[in-house]
Amino acid sequence: MQTLLAFRGGHPMRQTIPALAIFALAAPAFGQEAANFSQPYWIESPVIEAIGRAELQVDPNRSNFSVGFKNTARTSAEATRLATARAKRAYDAMLGVAGDDLTIESRVSVSAIYNQVEDDEGNLVTDYSADNIRGYEASVLYSVGVKDLSKASRTRAAALAVGPETSSYFSNSLQRDTDILQAAYRAAIVDARERAQLPNTPDRMGVSAEACLVYEIRQ
C-alpha cells in the first residue's frame, strides 16, 4: 500500500479518504464554491507531492483445516442422509466452541459403488453397468475457517471427536480486514508527511508543508 499526499500552504481541506480515489478539487478550502472552481489547485501556488510507503508485519488471523465424512448405503438418499447427519453433529460441536468466529464451506458428493467380476484370466474388474450397482457412497467435506486462532485447536478437536474419515492439519493465513488496511494506511501517511517535510525541501519550493490537500490509496 502506498499513499500519495500533496501539500499546499493555507488551511487544511476536509479529508475524505476512500481507497483508490483522489479528492483534489475540493474548492471550499480556497474560499470558493465548488461550482465556481475552474482551475487546478496547483496553479495559484506551488505544491509538494510525496509518496508514502509502509510495510507492516502482521500475525496470521485465520486458521483453516478440513474434515470429511463418508457413509455407504443401498440407496444414494440413505447414504447422503447418514453422511450429512454426522457432518451436522460436527458442525454443531465446532459452533459450540468457535461461535461467530467459525466459517464453513461444505461440499457434498455421491458416487455409485459397483460390483467386481472376474475376467477370463481370473482378474477382478469393475462392471460399470447400471444393473451392477451394489450401493452408494456419500461424502461431505467441510472447509473450516476460524477467525480467533486461540479457538482453532479446540474447534478442530470438536470435529475430530465425531470421527471423520478424512482431516487435515492447520493452515494459518492472513486476511486483510479493515483494521489491518487502516493500520497500513496510517503508517503510509506518516511516511509521506515525513518525506514531504525533509530538510530544505519546502523552503526551496517556497511553500508551507502544513496542510494535507490530496490523499490517494494505492493497494
Protein backbone atom coordinates (compact mmCIF):
# COMPACT_ATOMS: atom_id res chain seq x y z
CA MET A 1 0.00 0.00 0.00
CA GLN A 2 1.24 3.49 -0.76
CA THR A 3 -0.30 6.87 -0.07
CA LEU A 4 0.14 9.98 -2.20
CA LEU A 5 -0.09 13.32 -0.42
CA ALA A 6 0.13 16.81 -1.88
CA PHE A 7 0.82 19.75 0.44
CA ARG A 8 -0.22 23.36 -0.09
CA GLY A 9 0.07 26.42 2.11
CA GLY A 10 -3.04 27.58 3.91
CA HIS A 11 -5.74 25.82 5.90
CA PRO A 12 -6.32 22.09 5.66
CA MET A 13 -9.07 20.90 3.39
CA ARG A 14 -11.70 18.45 4.52
CA GLN A 15 -10.19 14.98 4.36
CA THR A 16 -12.16 12.23 2.65
CA ILE A 17 -10.15 9.06 2.26
CA PRO A 18 -11.71 6.28 0.20
CA ALA A 19 -9.47 3.70 -1.44
CA LEU A 20 -8.32 4.36 -4.99
CA ALA A 21 -9.64 7.92 -5.17
CA ILE A 22 -8.11 11.38 -5.31
CA PHE A 23 -10.00 14.35 -3.99
CA ALA A 24 -8.00 17.25 -5.37
CA LEU A 25 -10.81 19.54 -6.47
CA ALA A 26 -12.47 20.33 -3.14
CA ALA A 27 -12.61 24.06 -3.74
CA PRO A 28 -14.11 25.19 -0.40
CA ALA A 29 -10.58 25.13 1.04
CA PHE A 30 -9.80 28.08 -1.24
CA GLY A 31 -12.86 30.05 -0.15
CA GLN A 32 -14.69 29.25 -3.40
CA GLU A 33 -17.89 27.44 -4.18
CA ALA A 34 -17.26 24.04 -5.77
CA ALA A 35 -19.38 25.01 -8.78
CA ASN A 36 -17.12 28.05 -9.47
CA PHE A 37 -13.84 26.17 -9.34
CA SER A 38 -12.22 26.47 -12.77
CA GLN A 39 -8.50 25.75 -12.45
CA PRO A 40 -6.28 23.07 -10.90
CA TYR A 41 -5.24 23.59 -7.32
CA TRP A 42 -1.54 23.80 -8.19
CA ILE A 43 -1.91 26.92 -10.36
CA GLU A 44 -2.12 29.50 -7.57
CA SER A 45 0.86 28.28 -5.57
CA PRO A 46 3.49 25.54 -5.62
CA VAL A 47 2.66 22.03 -4.43
CA ILE A 48 4.80 19.32 -2.91
CA GLU A 49 3.87 15.74 -3.68
CA ALA A 50 5.25 12.88 -1.67
CA ILE A 51 4.59 9.16 -1.90
CA GLY A 52 4.49 7.31 1.40
CA ARG A 53 5.05 3.59 1.67
CA ALA A 54 4.52 1.28 4.60
CA GLU A 55 5.17 -2.39 5.27
CA LEU A 56 3.59 -3.99 8.31
CA GLN A 57 4.41 -7.34 9.85
CA VAL A 58 1.12 -8.82 10.98
CA ASP A 59 0.43 -12.16 12.66
CA PRO A 60 -1.96 -14.61 10.93
CA ASN A 61 -5.59 -14.00 11.80
CA ARG A 62 -7.23 -17.07 10.23
CA SER A 63 -6.77 -20.79 10.84
CA ASN A 64 -8.08 -23.27 8.28
CA PHE A 65 -8.50 -27.04 8.19
CA SER A 66 -10.81 -29.59 6.62
CA VAL A 67 -12.77 -32.63 7.77
CA GLY A 68 -14.66 -35.14 5.66
CA PHE A 69 -17.40 -37.64 6.41
CA LYS A 70 -18.31 -40.68 4.29
CA ASN A 71 -21.12 -43.19 4.52
CA THR A 72 -22.31 -46.02 2.29
CA ALA A 73 -25.83 -47.38 1.88
CA ARG A 74 -28.01 -49.23 -0.58
CA THR A 75 -29.52 -46.01 -1.90
CA SER A 76 -27.99 -42.62 -2.60
CA ALA A 77 -30.59 -40.90 -0.43
CA GLU A 78 -29.76 -43.04 2.60
CA ALA A 79 -26.02 -42.63 2.14
CA THR A 80 -26.46 -38.85 1.91
CA ARG A 81 -28.66 -38.77 5.00
CA LEU A 82 -26.12 -40.69 7.07
CA ALA A 83 -23.12 -38.59 5.97
CA THR A 84 -24.87 -35.25 6.39
CA ALA A 85 -26.17 -36.24 9.84
CA ARG A 86 -22.63 -36.91 11.05
CA ALA A 87 -21.38 -33.71 9.44
CA LYS A 88 -24.17 -31.78 11.17
CA ARG A 89 -23.07 -33.15 14.54
CA ALA A 90 -19.53 -31.96 13.80
CA TYR A 91 -20.83 -28.55 12.77
CA ASP A 92 -22.80 -28.16 15.99
CA ALA A 93 -19.77 -29.20 18.04
CA MET A 94 -17.49 -26.71 16.28
CA LEU A 95 -20.07 -23.95 16.55
CA GLY A 96 -20.26 -24.54 20.27
CA VAL A 97 -16.54 -23.83 20.54
CA ALA A 98 -15.89 -21.11 17.95
CA GLY A 99 -19.26 -19.35 17.85
CA ASP A 100 -19.28 -16.38 15.47
CA ASP A 101 -15.60 -16.94 14.68
CA LEU A 102 -16.49 -20.08 12.70
CA THR A 103 -16.82 -20.13 8.90
CA ILE A 104 -17.57 -23.29 6.94
CA GLU A 105 -17.82 -24.17 3.27
CA SER A 106 -19.33 -27.57 2.56
CA ARG A 107 -19.32 -29.86 -0.45
CA VAL A 108 -21.47 -32.96 -0.85
CA SER A 109 -20.84 -35.65 -3.43
CA VAL A 110 -22.39 -39.05 -4.13
CA SER A 111 -20.85 -41.85 -6.16
CA ALA A 112 -22.04 -45.31 -7.10
CA ILE A 113 -20.28 -48.46 -5.89
CA TYR A 114 -20.12 -51.24 -8.49
CA ASN A 115 -19.64 -54.96 -8.14
CA GLN A 116 -16.44 -56.52 -9.38
CA VAL A 117 -16.36 -59.63 -11.57
CA GLU A 118 -13.61 -61.95 -12.74
CA ASP A 119 -12.45 -61.83 -16.31
CA ASP A 120 -11.31 -64.83 -18.33
CA GLU A 121 -7.87 -64.67 -16.70
CA GLY A 122 -9.20 -64.53 -13.17
CA ASN A 123 -8.54 -60.84 -12.60
CA LEU A 124 -11.11 -58.72 -10.80
CA VAL A 125 -12.55 -55.93 -12.96
CA THR A 126 -15.28 -53.45 -12.24
CA ASP A 127 -18.51 -53.75 -14.14
CA TYR A 128 -19.84 -50.21 -14.57
CA SER A 129 -23.24 -51.21 -15.93
CA ALA A 130 -26.27 -49.67 -14.24
CA ASP A 131 -27.65 -53.04 -13.17
CA ASN A 132 -24.39 -53.88 -11.36
CA ILE A 133 -24.58 -51.10 -8.74
CA ARG A 134 -24.39 -52.55 -5.25
CA GLY A 135 -24.58 -49.31 -3.26
CA TYR A 136 -23.68 -45.65 -2.96
CA GLU A 137 -21.09 -43.62 -1.08
CA ALA A 138 -21.88 -40.11 0.04
CA SER A 139 -19.16 -37.67 1.12
CA VAL A 140 -19.45 -34.36 2.98
CA LEU A 141 -16.31 -32.22 3.05
CA TYR A 142 -16.05 -29.23 5.36
CA SER A 143 -13.52 -26.47 4.69
CA VAL A 144 -13.35 -24.82 8.11
CA GLY A 145 -12.07 -21.37 8.98
CA VAL A 146 -11.60 -20.00 12.50
CA LYS A 147 -11.10 -16.24 12.93
CA ASP A 148 -9.88 -16.47 16.53
CA LEU A 149 -6.69 -18.55 16.50
CA SER A 150 -6.97 -19.23 20.23
CA LYS A 151 -10.08 -21.33 19.45
CA ALA A 152 -8.66 -23.20 16.46
CA SER A 153 -7.24 -26.22 18.27
CA ARG A 154 -10.37 -26.83 20.33
CA THR A 155 -12.59 -26.34 17.27
CA ARG A 156 -10.69 -28.98 15.30
CA ALA A 157 -10.74 -31.34 18.31
CA ALA A 158 -14.52 -31.00 18.48
CA ALA A 159 -14.82 -32.03 14.83
CA LEU A 160 -12.40 -34.95 15.22
CA ALA A 161 -14.45 -36.25 18.16
CA VAL A 162 -17.26 -37.08 15.70
CA GLY A 163 -14.88 -39.41 13.81
CA PRO A 164 -14.39 -38.03 10.29
CA GLU A 165 -12.85 -40.29 7.65
CA THR A 166 -10.51 -37.55 6.46
CA SER A 167 -8.97 -34.49 8.10
CA SER A 168 -6.18 -32.00 7.55
CA TYR A 169 -3.95 -30.11 9.93
CA PHE A 170 -3.99 -26.35 10.43
CA SER A 171 -3.09 -23.88 7.72
CA ASN A 172 -2.81 -20.35 9.06
CA SER A 173 -3.30 -17.34 6.83
CA LEU A 174 -3.76 -13.58 6.91
CA GLN A 175 -7.00 -11.96 5.80
CA ARG A 176 -6.60 -8.23 5.16
CA ASP A 177 -9.50 -6.90 7.15
CA THR A 178 -10.41 -3.26 7.80
CA ASP A 179 -8.20 -2.88 10.88
CA ILE A 180 -5.10 -4.10 9.02
CA LEU A 181 -5.73 -1.88 6.00
CA GLN A 182 -6.29 1.16 8.20
CA ALA A 183 -3.07 0.49 10.12
CA ALA A 184 -1.08 0.26 6.88
CA TYR A 185 -2.81 3.39 5.58
CA ARG A 186 -1.94 5.41 8.69
CA ALA A 187 1.68 4.26 8.52
CA ALA A 188 1.89 5.27 4.85
CA ILE A 189 0.52 8.74 5.65
CA VAL A 190 3.16 9.24 8.35
CA ASP A 191 5.86 8.20 5.90
CA ALA A 192 4.55 10.54 3.18
CA ARG A 193 4.37 13.51 5.56
CA GLU A 194 7.95 12.88 6.71
CA ARG A 195 9.15 12.70 3.13
CA ALA A 196 7.41 15.96 2.23
CA GLN A 197 8.92 17.71 5.23
CA LEU A 198 12.52 16.67 4.59
CA PRO A 199 15.02 19.47 5.38
CA ASN A 200 15.16 22.32 2.85
CA THR A 201 12.58 20.85 0.52
CA PRO A 202 9.67 23.16 1.45
CA ASP A 203 11.96 26.20 1.66
CA ARG A 204 13.28 25.60 -1.83
CA MET A 205 9.78 25.34 -3.16
CA GLY A 206 8.65 28.45 -1.32
CA VAL A 207 5.63 26.75 0.23
CA SER A 208 4.45 25.73 3.66
CA ALA A 209 4.05 21.97 4.03
CA GLU A 210 1.44 22.13 6.75
CA ALA A 211 -1.90 21.26 5.21
CA CYS A 212 -2.85 17.98 3.57
CA LEU A 213 -4.57 18.61 0.27
CA VAL A 214 -4.78 15.30 -1.58
CA TYR A 215 -4.92 11.70 -0.41
CA GLU A 216 -4.76 8.64 -2.56
CA ILE A 217 -4.51 5.00 -1.51
CA ARG A 218 -2.88 2.58 -3.92
CA GLN A 219 -3.13 -1.11 -3.00
